[in-house]
Every structure is written in structure tokens, then in C-alpha cells.
Protein backbone atom coordinates (compact mmCIF):
# COMPACT_ATOMS: atom_id res chain seq x y z
CA MET A 1 49.14 -31.58 -22.61
CA THR A 2 48.20 -35.12 -21.61
CA ARG A 3 49.71 -38.20 -23.17
CA PRO A 4 47.64 -39.45 -26.13
CA GLU A 5 46.14 -42.88 -25.65
CA ILE A 6 44.48 -45.25 -28.11
CA LEU A 7 41.04 -46.42 -26.95
CA ALA A 8 38.53 -48.69 -28.66
CA ALA A 9 34.81 -49.38 -28.27
CA VAL A 10 32.85 -52.35 -29.60
CA ASP A 11 29.04 -52.16 -29.79
CA LEU A 12 27.27 -55.51 -30.23
CA GLY A 13 23.94 -54.07 -31.33
CA SER A 14 20.78 -55.96 -32.21
CA ASN A 15 21.12 -54.88 -35.86
CA SER A 16 24.79 -54.02 -36.44
CA PHE A 17 28.13 -54.54 -34.72
CA HIS A 18 30.36 -51.45 -34.59
CA LEU A 19 34.04 -50.98 -33.78
CA GLN A 20 35.47 -47.53 -33.22
CA VAL A 21 39.10 -46.74 -32.44
CA GLY A 22 40.03 -43.27 -31.23
CA ARG A 23 42.96 -41.27 -29.94
CA ALA A 24 42.37 -39.58 -26.60
CA LEU A 25 44.09 -36.23 -26.24
CA ASP A 26 43.35 -33.43 -23.76
CA GLY A 27 39.93 -34.80 -22.85
CA GLN A 28 38.77 -35.27 -26.44
CA ILE A 29 38.61 -38.36 -28.64
CA TYR A 30 39.68 -38.18 -32.27
CA VAL A 31 38.38 -41.10 -34.33
CA LEU A 32 41.10 -43.08 -36.11
CA ASP A 33 39.16 -46.02 -37.49
CA SER A 34 35.59 -47.33 -37.68
CA LEU A 35 34.14 -50.67 -38.77
CA ARG A 36 30.50 -51.66 -39.12
CA GLU A 37 28.98 -55.03 -40.00
CA GLY A 38 25.28 -55.85 -40.27
CA VAL A 39 25.03 -58.96 -38.10
CA ARG A 40 21.28 -58.60 -37.32
CA LEU A 41 21.63 -60.41 -34.01
CA GLY A 42 18.05 -59.55 -33.04
CA ALA A 43 16.69 -61.14 -36.22
CA GLY A 44 18.45 -64.36 -35.24
CA LEU A 45 16.37 -64.78 -32.08
CA THR A 46 14.13 -67.84 -32.33
CA ALA A 47 10.58 -68.03 -30.95
CA ASP A 48 11.95 -69.26 -27.62
CA LYS A 49 14.45 -66.35 -27.43
CA ARG A 50 17.63 -68.17 -28.44
CA ILE A 51 20.19 -66.88 -30.93
CA ASP A 52 20.23 -69.38 -33.79
CA ARG A 53 23.49 -71.00 -34.83
CA ALA A 54 23.74 -69.27 -38.22
CA THR A 55 23.51 -65.86 -36.56
CA GLN A 56 26.03 -66.88 -33.91
CA THR A 57 28.47 -67.93 -36.63
CA ARG A 58 28.00 -64.61 -38.44
CA ALA A 59 28.55 -62.71 -35.19
CA LEU A 60 31.65 -64.69 -34.22
CA GLU A 61 33.21 -64.17 -37.64
CA THR A 62 32.63 -60.42 -37.29
CA LEU A 63 34.15 -60.37 -33.81
CA SER A 64 37.20 -62.27 -35.05
CA ARG A 65 37.76 -59.55 -37.65
CA PHE A 66 37.31 -56.86 -35.00
CA GLY A 67 39.74 -58.75 -32.76
CA GLU A 68 42.40 -58.61 -35.45
CA ARG A 69 42.08 -54.80 -35.54
CA LEU A 70 42.30 -54.60 -31.74
CA ARG A 71 45.30 -56.87 -31.43
CA GLY A 72 48.05 -55.31 -29.35
CA LEU A 73 45.82 -52.94 -27.39
CA PRO A 74 45.89 -53.38 -23.59
CA ARG A 75 42.77 -54.71 -21.89
CA HIS A 76 42.03 -51.45 -20.07
CA ALA A 77 41.91 -49.56 -23.40
CA VAL A 78 39.08 -51.63 -24.92
CA ARG A 79 35.45 -51.89 -23.85
CA ALA A 80 32.89 -54.08 -25.61
CA VAL A 81 29.19 -53.84 -24.75
CA GLY A 82 26.16 -55.92 -25.70
CA THR A 83 22.65 -54.50 -25.84
CA ASN A 84 19.04 -55.68 -26.11
CA ALA A 85 19.45 -58.92 -28.09
CA LEU A 86 21.98 -60.14 -25.52
CA ARG A 87 19.77 -58.94 -22.66
CA VAL A 88 16.88 -61.15 -23.77
CA ALA A 89 18.62 -64.17 -25.36
CA LYS A 90 18.38 -67.26 -23.14
CA ASN A 91 21.61 -68.66 -24.57
CA ALA A 92 23.53 -65.39 -24.19
CA PRO A 93 25.96 -66.80 -21.55
CA GLN A 94 27.05 -69.64 -23.85
CA PHE A 95 27.34 -67.30 -26.86
CA LEU A 96 29.30 -64.72 -24.86
CA ARG A 97 31.96 -67.28 -23.93
CA GLU A 98 32.61 -67.90 -27.62
CA ALA A 99 32.29 -64.20 -28.43
CA ARG A 100 34.93 -63.21 -25.87
CA ALA A 101 37.32 -65.79 -27.28
CA ALA A 102 36.73 -64.50 -30.82
CA LEU A 103 37.19 -60.83 -29.90
CA GLY A 104 40.02 -61.35 -27.44
CA PHE A 105 38.48 -58.98 -24.86
CA PRO A 106 35.72 -59.17 -22.23
CA ILE A 107 32.18 -58.32 -23.37
CA GLU A 108 29.72 -56.68 -20.97
CA VAL A 109 25.95 -56.75 -21.38
CA VAL A 110 24.58 -53.38 -20.24
CA SER A 111 21.10 -52.65 -18.92
CA GLY A 112 18.69 -50.55 -20.94
CA ARG A 113 19.16 -47.49 -18.76
CA GLU A 114 22.94 -47.84 -18.77
CA GLU A 115 22.75 -48.05 -22.56
CA ALA A 116 20.69 -44.84 -22.48
CA ARG A 117 23.31 -43.09 -20.32
CA LEU A 118 26.12 -44.09 -22.69
CA ILE A 119 24.12 -43.00 -25.75
CA TYR A 120 23.53 -39.59 -24.18
CA LEU A 121 27.22 -39.27 -23.36
CA GLY A 122 28.11 -39.97 -27.00
CA VAL A 123 25.51 -37.56 -28.38
CA ALA A 124 26.42 -34.80 -25.92
CA HIS A 125 30.07 -34.93 -27.01
CA SER A 126 29.10 -34.76 -30.69
CA LEU A 127 26.93 -31.62 -30.43
CA PRO A 128 27.82 -27.98 -29.73
CA PRO A 129 27.67 -27.06 -26.02
CA ALA A 130 24.24 -25.80 -24.96
CA ALA A 131 22.65 -24.68 -21.71
CA HIS A 132 19.19 -25.93 -22.67
CA ALA A 133 17.72 -29.40 -22.12
CA ARG A 134 17.87 -31.93 -24.93
CA LEU A 135 15.74 -34.99 -25.58
CA VAL A 136 17.74 -37.77 -27.23
CA VAL A 137 15.86 -40.63 -28.93
CA ASP A 138 17.78 -43.68 -30.13
CA VAL A 139 15.79 -46.28 -32.09
CA GLY A 140 18.04 -49.33 -32.06
CA GLY A 141 17.54 -52.82 -33.38
CA GLY A 142 15.84 -54.28 -30.30
CA SER A 143 15.16 -51.35 -27.99
CA THR A 144 14.56 -47.61 -28.05
CA GLU A 145 16.24 -45.31 -25.54
CA PHE A 146 14.98 -41.92 -24.37
CA ILE A 147 17.14 -39.45 -22.45
CA ILE A 148 16.55 -35.89 -21.30
CA GLY A 149 19.70 -34.13 -20.19
CA THR A 150 21.60 -30.87 -19.98
CA GLY A 151 25.24 -30.59 -20.96
CA PHE A 152 26.85 -33.96 -20.28
CA GLU A 153 24.43 -34.87 -17.48
CA PRO A 154 21.42 -37.14 -18.21
CA ARG A 155 18.42 -36.29 -16.02
CA LEU A 156 15.81 -38.81 -17.14
CA THR A 157 16.48 -42.14 -18.87
CA GLU A 158 14.22 -44.88 -20.20
CA SER A 159 14.62 -47.94 -22.41
CA LEU A 160 11.66 -49.63 -24.10
CA TYR A 161 11.64 -53.09 -25.69
CA MET A 162 10.88 -52.02 -29.24
CA GLY A 163 13.38 -51.61 -32.06
CA CYS A 164 13.56 -51.48 -35.84
CA VAL A 165 14.51 -55.18 -36.14
CA SER A 166 11.99 -56.58 -33.66
CA TRP A 167 9.14 -54.36 -34.96
CA SER A 168 9.91 -55.14 -38.61
CA LEU A 169 9.90 -58.88 -37.89
CA ARG A 170 6.72 -58.65 -35.83
CA PHE A 171 4.59 -56.43 -38.08
CA PHE A 172 6.18 -56.51 -41.55
CA GLU A 173 6.94 -60.18 -42.15
CA GLY A 174 8.78 -60.73 -45.41
CA GLY A 175 9.13 -56.98 -45.87
CA ARG A 176 5.45 -56.56 -46.82
CA ILE A 177 3.97 -53.16 -45.97
CA ASP A 178 0.34 -52.04 -46.06
CA LYS A 179 -1.80 -49.54 -44.19
CA SER A 180 -3.16 -52.01 -41.64
CA ARG A 181 0.31 -53.36 -40.79
CA MET A 182 1.70 -49.86 -40.36
CA LYS A 183 -1.23 -48.84 -38.13
CA ALA A 184 -0.78 -51.96 -35.98
CA ALA A 185 2.96 -51.26 -35.60
CA GLU A 186 2.33 -47.62 -34.67
CA LEU A 187 -0.41 -48.54 -32.18
CA ALA A 188 1.84 -51.08 -30.47
CA ALA A 189 4.62 -48.48 -30.24
CA ARG A 190 2.22 -45.92 -28.75
CA GLN A 191 1.17 -48.49 -26.14
CA GLU A 192 4.83 -49.02 -25.20
CA LEU A 193 5.30 -45.24 -24.93
CA ALA A 194 2.27 -44.75 -22.68
CA SER A 195 4.21 -45.60 -19.51
CA MET A 196 6.75 -42.79 -19.91
CA VAL A 197 5.14 -40.00 -21.95
CA ARG A 198 3.70 -38.06 -18.99
CA ALA A 199 7.01 -37.93 -17.09
CA TYR A 200 8.92 -36.80 -20.17
CA ARG A 201 6.43 -34.08 -21.07
CA ALA A 202 6.54 -32.86 -17.46
CA GLN A 203 10.35 -32.70 -17.53
CA GLY A 204 10.38 -30.83 -20.84
CA TRP A 205 13.15 -30.12 -23.35
CA HIS A 206 14.18 -27.45 -25.82
CA GLU A 207 15.68 -29.57 -28.61
CA ALA A 208 14.94 -33.12 -29.83
CA VAL A 209 17.84 -35.16 -31.21
CA GLY A 210 17.84 -38.53 -32.96
CA SER A 211 20.87 -40.81 -32.84
CA SER A 212 22.15 -44.09 -34.32
CA GLY A 213 21.41 -45.89 -37.56
CA THR A 214 17.62 -45.60 -37.78
CA ALA A 215 17.58 -41.82 -37.32
CA ARG A 216 20.48 -41.27 -39.72
CA ALA A 217 18.95 -43.58 -42.35
CA ILE A 218 15.57 -41.83 -42.18
CA GLU A 219 17.19 -38.38 -42.36
CA THR A 220 19.16 -39.42 -45.46
CA ILE A 221 16.00 -40.71 -47.16
CA LEU A 222 13.99 -37.58 -46.30
CA VAL A 223 16.69 -35.24 -47.61
CA ASP A 224 17.56 -37.27 -50.74
CA SER A 225 13.85 -37.71 -51.57
CA GLY A 226 13.12 -34.02 -51.12
CA LEU A 227 10.82 -34.69 -48.17
CA ALA A 228 12.80 -32.50 -45.75
CA ASP A 229 15.61 -29.95 -45.94
CA SER A 230 17.48 -31.39 -42.95
CA GLY A 231 16.83 -33.55 -39.92
CA ILE A 232 13.57 -35.43 -39.40
CA THR A 233 10.24 -33.60 -39.56
CA ARG A 234 6.84 -34.99 -38.69
CA ASP A 235 5.52 -33.96 -42.10
CA GLY A 236 8.46 -35.58 -43.90
CA LEU A 237 8.07 -38.81 -41.91
CA ASP A 238 4.33 -38.93 -42.70
CA ARG A 239 5.11 -38.61 -46.39
CA LEU A 240 7.75 -41.37 -46.19
CA ARG A 241 5.19 -43.56 -44.43
CA SER A 242 2.74 -43.00 -47.30
CA LEU A 243 5.48 -43.79 -49.81
CA LEU A 244 6.26 -47.11 -48.11
CA ILE A 245 2.57 -48.09 -48.08
CA LYS A 246 2.23 -47.11 -51.73
CA HIS A 247 5.24 -49.22 -52.82
CA GLU A 248 4.22 -52.09 -50.44
CA ARG A 249 7.86 -52.59 -49.44
CA ALA A 250 11.01 -50.61 -48.73
CA ASP A 251 12.55 -50.68 -52.21
CA PRO A 252 16.01 -49.07 -52.60
CA GLU A 253 15.42 -48.71 -56.33
CA ARG A 254 12.32 -46.56 -55.76
CA ILE A 255 13.22 -44.71 -52.55
CA ALA A 256 16.15 -42.30 -52.83
CA GLY A 257 18.77 -42.59 -50.10
CA LEU A 258 17.66 -46.05 -48.91
CA ARG A 259 20.55 -48.51 -48.63
CA GLU A 260 19.99 -52.19 -49.33
CA ASN A 261 21.14 -53.27 -45.87
CA ARG A 262 18.60 -50.95 -44.22
CA ALA A 263 15.55 -51.89 -46.34
CA LEU A 264 14.19 -54.80 -44.27
CA VAL A 265 14.32 -52.91 -40.96
CA LEU A 266 13.16 -49.50 -42.22
CA PRO A 267 9.37 -49.99 -41.80
CA GLY A 268 9.72 -50.91 -38.12
CA GLY A 269 11.92 -47.86 -37.54
CA VAL A 270 9.47 -45.55 -39.34
CA ALA A 271 6.54 -46.88 -37.28
CA ILE A 272 8.37 -46.43 -33.97
CA LEU A 273 9.74 -42.98 -34.77
CA GLY A 274 6.34 -41.85 -36.08
CA ALA A 275 4.71 -42.90 -32.80
CA VAL A 276 7.44 -41.11 -30.83
CA LEU A 277 6.99 -37.83 -32.73
CA GLU A 278 3.22 -38.01 -32.28
CA GLU A 279 3.13 -38.98 -28.59
CA LEU A 280 5.81 -36.47 -27.57
CA ALA A 281 4.47 -33.74 -29.89
CA ILE A 282 7.77 -33.33 -31.73
CA GLU A 283 7.60 -31.43 -35.02
CA GLN A 284 11.31 -31.53 -35.88
CA MET A 285 14.28 -33.58 -34.76
CA THR A 286 17.94 -32.95 -35.52
CA VAL A 287 20.19 -35.97 -36.05
CA SER A 288 23.50 -36.51 -34.28
CA GLU A 289 26.53 -38.49 -35.37
CA GLY A 290 27.07 -39.46 -31.74
CA ALA A 291 25.89 -42.91 -30.66
CA LEU A 292 26.45 -45.67 -28.11
CA ARG A 293 29.99 -46.47 -29.28
CA HIS A 294 31.02 -42.82 -28.87
CA GLY A 295 29.61 -42.79 -25.36
CA VAL A 296 31.50 -45.98 -24.54
CA LEU A 297 34.73 -44.32 -25.69
CA TYR A 298 34.17 -41.24 -23.54
CA ASP A 299 33.15 -43.37 -20.56
CA LEU A 300 36.31 -45.40 -21.06
CA LEU A 301 38.33 -42.19 -21.23
CA GLY A 302 36.87 -41.22 -17.86
CA ARG A 303 37.99 -44.54 -16.37
CA VAL A 304 41.50 -44.15 -17.78
CA GLN A 305 41.71 -40.61 -16.39
CA HIS A 306 40.36 -41.67 -12.97
CA ALA A 307 36.87 -40.18 -13.44
CA ASP A 308 35.07 -43.52 -13.35
CA MET A 309 31.26 -43.27 -13.32
CA ARG A 310 31.15 -46.50 -11.33
CA GLU A 311 33.01 -44.86 -8.46
CA ALA A 312 30.51 -41.99 -8.43
CA THR A 313 27.67 -44.55 -8.31
CA VAL A 314 29.24 -46.38 -5.36
CA VAL A 315 29.56 -43.12 -3.42
CA GLN A 316 25.96 -42.19 -4.27
CA PHE A 317 24.66 -45.61 -3.14
CA MET A 318 26.55 -45.31 0.14
CA ARG A 319 24.76 -42.01 0.79
CA ARG A 320 21.36 -43.24 -0.39
CA TYR A 321 21.43 -46.34 1.83
CA HIS A 322 23.10 -44.63 4.82
CA VAL A 323 26.22 -46.79 4.89
CA ASP A 324 28.54 -46.18 7.87
CA PRO A 325 31.59 -44.62 6.10
CA PRO A 326 34.25 -45.34 8.78
CA GLN A 327 33.24 -49.02 8.99
CA ALA A 328 33.10 -49.35 5.21
CA GLU A 329 36.60 -47.88 4.97
CA ARG A 330 37.96 -50.24 7.66
CA VAL A 331 36.54 -53.28 5.86
CA ARG A 332 37.77 -52.00 2.49
CA ARG A 333 41.36 -51.51 3.71
CA LEU A 334 41.62 -54.90 5.38
CA ALA A 335 39.94 -56.79 2.53
CA LEU A 336 42.31 -55.22 0.00
CA ALA A 337 45.30 -56.00 2.23
CA VAL A 338 44.32 -59.69 2.31
CA TYR A 339 43.77 -59.71 -1.45
CA ASP A 340 47.07 -57.95 -2.20
CA ALA A 341 48.98 -60.38 0.01
CA VAL A 342 47.87 -63.30 -2.15
CA ALA A 343 47.17 -61.86 -5.60
CA ARG A 344 49.87 -59.31 -6.22
CA ASP A 345 52.33 -60.24 -8.92
CA PRO A 346 55.81 -59.63 -7.47
CA GLY A 347 57.08 -58.90 -10.99
CA ARG A 348 54.96 -55.76 -11.26
CA GLU A 349 55.01 -52.46 -9.44
CA PRO A 350 52.18 -52.30 -6.89
CA GLU A 351 50.44 -49.27 -8.43
CA SER A 352 50.48 -50.60 -11.98
CA ALA A 353 49.19 -53.92 -10.67
CA ARG A 354 46.26 -52.18 -9.03
CA GLU A 355 45.21 -49.87 -11.87
CA ASP A 356 44.12 -52.61 -14.26
CA ASP A 357 42.98 -55.21 -11.71
CA ALA A 358 39.22 -55.60 -12.24
CA ASP A 359 38.92 -58.09 -9.35
CA ARG A 360 40.54 -55.66 -6.93
CA LEU A 361 38.13 -52.93 -7.98
CA LEU A 362 35.21 -55.32 -7.48
CA LEU A 363 36.41 -56.13 -3.96
CA ASP A 364 36.84 -52.43 -3.18
CA TRP A 365 33.26 -51.64 -4.22
CA SER A 366 31.82 -54.74 -2.52
CA ALA A 367 33.43 -53.82 0.79
CA ARG A 368 31.83 -50.39 0.69
CA LEU A 369 28.40 -51.60 -0.46
CA ALA A 370 28.08 -54.77 1.62
CA GLU A 371 25.95 -53.07 4.29
CA ILE A 372 23.45 -51.19 2.12
CA GLY A 373 20.85 -53.82 3.10
CA LEU A 374 20.97 -52.61 6.72
CA SER A 375 18.74 -49.71 5.63
CA ILE A 376 16.05 -52.34 4.93
CA ALA A 377 16.50 -54.73 7.88
CA HIS A 378 19.32 -56.09 10.03
CA ALA A 379 18.21 -59.71 9.75
CA GLN A 380 19.67 -61.26 6.60
CA TYR A 381 20.92 -57.82 5.55
CA HIS A 382 23.47 -59.35 3.18
CA ARG A 383 20.59 -60.82 1.17
CA HIS A 384 18.89 -57.41 1.01
CA SER A 385 22.19 -55.85 -0.10
CA ALA A 386 22.65 -58.47 -2.81
CA TYR A 387 19.09 -57.99 -4.08
CA VAL A 388 19.54 -54.22 -4.41
CA LEU A 389 22.89 -54.57 -6.19
CA SER A 390 21.47 -57.16 -8.56
CA ASN A 391 18.35 -55.19 -9.52
CA ALA A 392 18.99 -51.46 -9.09
CA ASP A 393 19.96 -49.08 -11.88
CA MET A 394 23.69 -48.50 -11.30
CA PRO A 395 25.11 -45.99 -13.80
CA GLY A 396 28.47 -47.10 -15.19
CA PHE A 397 28.07 -50.77 -14.26
CA SER A 398 27.33 -53.55 -16.71
CA ARG A 399 24.78 -56.21 -15.78
CA MET A 400 27.58 -58.75 -15.29
CA GLU A 401 29.47 -56.41 -12.97
CA GLN A 402 26.31 -55.93 -10.92
CA GLN A 403 25.78 -59.69 -10.70
CA ARG A 404 29.37 -60.20 -9.53
CA LEU A 405 28.97 -57.43 -6.95
CA ALA A 406 25.74 -58.99 -5.69
CA ARG A 407 27.29 -62.46 -5.54
CA LEU A 408 30.29 -61.27 -3.53
CA VAL A 409 28.15 -59.27 -1.11
CA LEU A 410 25.80 -62.23 -0.64
CA ALA A 411 28.85 -64.36 0.17
CA HIS A 412 30.41 -62.05 2.74
CA ARG A 413 28.64 -63.63 5.73
CA GLY A 414 26.82 -66.84 6.64
CA LYS A 415 27.25 -70.28 5.11
CA LEU A 416 28.94 -70.64 1.74
CA GLY A 417 26.66 -73.35 0.40
CA LYS A 418 24.33 -70.69 -1.04
CA LEU A 419 27.00 -69.87 -3.64
CA GLU A 420 27.19 -73.32 -5.18
CA ASP A 421 24.22 -72.64 -7.48
CA LEU A 422 25.40 -69.16 -8.49
CA GLY A 423 28.28 -70.15 -10.74
CA VAL A 424 31.10 -68.67 -8.66
CA GLU A 425 34.24 -68.46 -10.78
CA SER A 426 37.43 -69.98 -9.39
CA GLY A 427 39.13 -66.59 -9.17
CA GLU A 428 36.30 -65.18 -7.05
CA TRP A 429 36.99 -67.37 -4.02
CA LEU A 430 39.92 -65.16 -3.03
CA LEU A 431 37.61 -62.13 -3.14
CA VAL A 432 35.09 -64.00 -0.98
CA LEU A 433 37.78 -64.90 1.56
CA ALA A 434 39.16 -61.36 1.72
CA LEU A 435 35.75 -59.79 2.32
CA ARG A 436 34.67 -62.43 4.85
CA LEU A 437 37.89 -62.13 6.87
CA ALA A 438 37.68 -58.33 6.89
CA THR A 439 34.06 -58.48 8.08
CA LEU A 440 34.91 -61.09 10.73
CA PHE A 441 37.90 -59.24 12.21
CA LEU A 442 36.12 -55.86 12.23
CA ARG A 443 32.84 -56.98 13.77
CA SER A 444 33.34 -54.61 16.72
CA ARG A 445 33.10 -51.65 14.27
CA THR A 446 35.99 -49.89 15.99
CA ASP A 447 39.55 -49.07 15.01
CA ILE A 448 41.04 -52.19 16.56
CA LYS A 449 44.60 -53.23 15.88
CA VAL A 450 44.34 -56.24 13.57
CA PRO A 451 47.31 -58.62 13.83
CA LEU A 452 49.58 -59.25 10.88
CA LEU A 453 47.69 -61.69 8.64
CA ARG A 454 49.77 -64.09 6.61
CA VAL A 455 47.51 -65.56 3.93
CA SER A 456 48.43 -68.08 1.26
CA GLN A 457 46.53 -70.02 -1.40
CA ASP A 458 46.99 -73.42 -3.00
CA GLU A 459 44.85 -75.86 -4.97
CA ALA A 460 43.06 -77.09 -1.84
CA GLY A 461 42.13 -73.66 -0.52
CA PHE A 462 43.68 -71.11 1.82
CA ALA A 463 45.92 -70.96 4.87
CA LEU A 464 45.85 -68.19 7.44
CA ALA A 465 48.63 -67.75 10.01
CA LEU A 466 47.90 -65.77 13.19
CA PRO A 467 49.86 -65.26 16.41
CA GLN A 468 48.66 -67.76 19.02
CA ALA A 469 48.87 -65.12 21.75
CA TRP A 470 46.51 -62.81 19.86
CA LEU A 471 43.96 -65.59 19.44
CA GLU A 472 44.08 -66.35 23.16
CA GLU A 473 43.43 -62.67 23.90
CA ASN A 474 40.51 -62.59 21.44
CA PRO A 475 38.45 -65.76 22.07
CA LEU A 476 35.34 -64.44 20.27
CA THR A 477 37.30 -63.98 17.04
CA ALA A 478 39.02 -67.34 17.54
CA ASP A 479 35.65 -69.08 17.78
CA ALA A 480 34.42 -67.20 14.70
CA LEU A 481 37.50 -68.35 12.76
CA GLU A 482 36.86 -71.95 13.80
CA SER A 483 33.29 -71.67 12.46
CA GLU A 484 34.62 -70.01 9.32
CA SER A 485 36.93 -72.94 8.69
CA GLY A 486 33.91 -75.23 8.91
CA TYR A 487 31.97 -73.16 6.36
CA TRP A 488 34.79 -73.58 3.83
CA LYS A 489 35.08 -77.29 4.55
CA ALA A 490 31.35 -77.69 3.81
CA VAL A 491 31.91 -76.51 0.21
CA GLY A 492 34.95 -78.73 -0.30
CA MET A 493 37.62 -76.11 0.33
CA ARG A 494 40.25 -75.80 3.03
CA LEU A 495 40.75 -72.83 5.32
CA ALA A 496 43.54 -73.76 7.71
CA VAL A 497 44.09 -71.31 10.59
CA GLU A 498 47.58 -71.95 11.90
CA GLY A 499 47.44 -70.20 15.26
CA LEU A 500 44.05 -71.74 15.98
CA THR A 501 45.47 -75.25 15.91
CA GLU A 502 48.30 -74.25 18.27
CA LYS A 503 45.78 -72.58 20.59
CA LYS A 504 43.79 -75.83 20.86
CA ILE A 505 46.93 -77.85 21.65
CA ALA A 506 47.91 -75.34 24.33
CA ALA A 507 44.42 -75.51 25.85
CA LEU A 508 44.56 -79.32 25.99
CA GLY A 509 47.93 -79.15 27.73
CA ARG A 510 46.49 -76.92 30.46
CA ALA A 511 43.42 -79.13 30.95
């Protein structure tokens, strides 16, 4: 039996924020505590796509309360993810700085397809095992995710920019509902669906499953109102649609099962789900308790138990882009050796220091992915690599992790001035140095014997000590190190190469 571990997931959704705390035991997660607060982050987006201050305040207060519940948990046991509202908000970076401080843990903004993968993972763990394909539909506050998968493996994922909050604000201003508004909302949803319907019908599925708040709220209303026995049926949804139009608003006093906090966003959810059932020819949909936060917990469990989806993605990218494995491994080993020499805390055991070191993991992945751009072109390949890492779908990675990967790979060769506009964090310069030195020393792409590198860091930059004799025997590398020192000087940082200075003095003496 494995040791139980407490894990926590925070979902910063466009409608609600969720916190779930669970106990991991023998590959399963048993929920210990759940919190939900209706922040309506998506409704706080202004016309120019900025989160207004009142909504930010509401969100930060919620995160402070969540942070109190999470207090005492180690960083590796908590994962917080942001979804569509934070993907589109122009002031998301500023808000996230305050949000991280309020919560006490990092917050990652995930892409739409990564959100879809995590949703499927949560739903798959909440349903009985099945050999058949399932279609999972998650109508969130700002986006709707579609996943076809078998078992725990998603096969087809898509995320569309339509959700119950955004659609309700766009088509049902002030909560007013009539036939023309409902038709307009459904038509717009069908237009969004047009790009993916053919592929999903071709893939096929045996069972349709709805997840998250919109699906559960609609199921509750249908059952409590006598419009369906269980789940969501097309007939029941049509009758609910007619009821909403008749009452001209979503009124909790006249619609059984409708909660007050769901009323304003219900019409948008009904319009989207109605379009989905029609376009995908779904007559009945079961509803799962599993959702994004559950998927985040199980993904986190995989990381804790060394089954990290990000590692699988790195390996898959290396294959897809024909990376040279021996060279990637050489660069990885040397880059990590440089990093460990400077960054390791002598007060901790080496293994424990490595397990929860996010920067070390980033360097590891960057070293192995730095050359994926060679499959496009040799010239400026680091720019091609960075572009792919910044824009590709990378299961398991948050958008911020992808941006950091891309930034580090872009920085691993050439002048450093290109990084000045990319917001490089102070702690990333060591990662840049480690990857650049590893690439420089291993340019021959052979198993050469690299000399003992003594690297140190201070406020001004870095110092590298090398045997003078080795530098004299390797003039090409010595020249490259001299150029490297100049690159660092150009961005206001020092890279002093000790043996290089002695080599110059010796050369002058012989002249």
C-alpha cells in the first residue's frame, strides 16, 4: 500500500472558482473537502477584454479564503489552473501576480485543449470503466470543451470560445429571454460548432457525457421539473427552452431545481447545449460528477508518482521532430550539472532538492527540445524551436510553462539582446547560462571529455573557471567562450572565464 498524500486542485473558472482537497491512496483520490464560490470572472471582462477592478477584488478575496484552507500544504501538492477568462483577459498577467500572492501558490493558465484533456481525465475517473468510446461535453463559463476518448485516453479534443457566461451576456442582456434571442444564441453556437462537427461524427462514440456546472444544473432542472427521468434528453431540453421563453427569464421561483446563482447564466448554457445536441445528433446525455478540478487532481497524482504527462509529451515531441537522442542527452546532463553546481541548496539532500525544483525540470526539458527546429531548417533553428514550443498543443503543459520553455530555447544560442523584451525573470538567467554552456561545449556532437567546470554566481553575473591547459588544447571552444562573454556583457551581465584570461596572458608572454 502506498503512503497517502494530501493533494489539492484550484480551478479558476470563468463562472466559479473551485477548490478540492483529496487524499491519494493506491492510485485513487478520495475527496476530503470542496469549496465553490461564484466569482463570475468572465462577466467581469470589459469591452476591451480587461477584468474590471470589482471582479478582481471578488476573485482575490475568494483566493485568500482558499489560501487559508491550503496553508501548510507543500508546493508540489497543490496545482491551480486558470481557464478561458484568463486566456483572453489583456490584464491577466497583472491580475495573476496579485492572485498568486492571495492564494499562496503558483497559478497556471492552461490552453483550451489542455483544459479539455484535464476535464476528460476527471470524467474518466468518475465513471465506471468501459471499453467503448465516450464523448465528453463541458459547457463552462467562457468556453466549451469536447473530448472523445476511450478509458483514460483522450483521442480527439477541441475547445470553442463559447460558454454560459459569455453567451448569456451577449444574447440575453439583463436576463431577458424571448424566441428571437434564443434563436440567435443557438445559431451562433451552431456556427462555432461547424468547424469540428464533421471530424467528431467521423470519429464516433457510444456514450455522450456532460460535465461541470451547466450540465449538472440542467439535469437537476429537467428531473425536478419532470421533464426527464435522468440525465439530459433532447426532448427535455427543448421543453426547458420553451419554458424559459414563456417566462421571459430564468426565474427560480417558477422553474423547479433552478438555483439563484445559476439563473443569469442558464439561458446561454441552454442555447449552447441545445445546439450541441442538434449538431451532433445526441438524443440523450448522461451527466458526470467529474470535472476539471478532478482531472487536475489525478494529473497531479501522476506527477507525484512519477507518471508526469509533461514527460510523455517531451518524449513524443523528440520523436515527432526527429531530435538526435544521444546529443540531447549529452546536453541535458551537462546543463543540469552546471545548474546543480550553482543552485543546489547544501542543506538539502540532492534527490529531494531535485524532485520539487520546477526550474531544474524546465532546464531538463529545454535541453531535450532545443533542436526540434532542425526538422524545419538549420538556419535560425532555435527560433523555429521556440515558435513550435510556444504555439503547439503540448499535453500536460500550461501556457506559461510553454512560454518559459520557448524563451529558454530561444536563448540557448546567438546574442542575448533578443531576450530583453521577453520579460526574462532573474532566476532564469542561470538556466540560460547552463543551456548555453552545454550547447557550446558539446558542439562537436560527440562524447568528448568536458573539463571540470567550476561555476559561481553573484549579483554582477557569473564566473567560470577552466584549466588553462585545456583551453590551449581547444582553441575553438576558447574563442567561443570569449564571444560568449561578450554576449553577456552586451546585456549588462558579467561572464568571467578565469582560464581564458590566463591563456591570453600566457600568449602575450610568448609573443
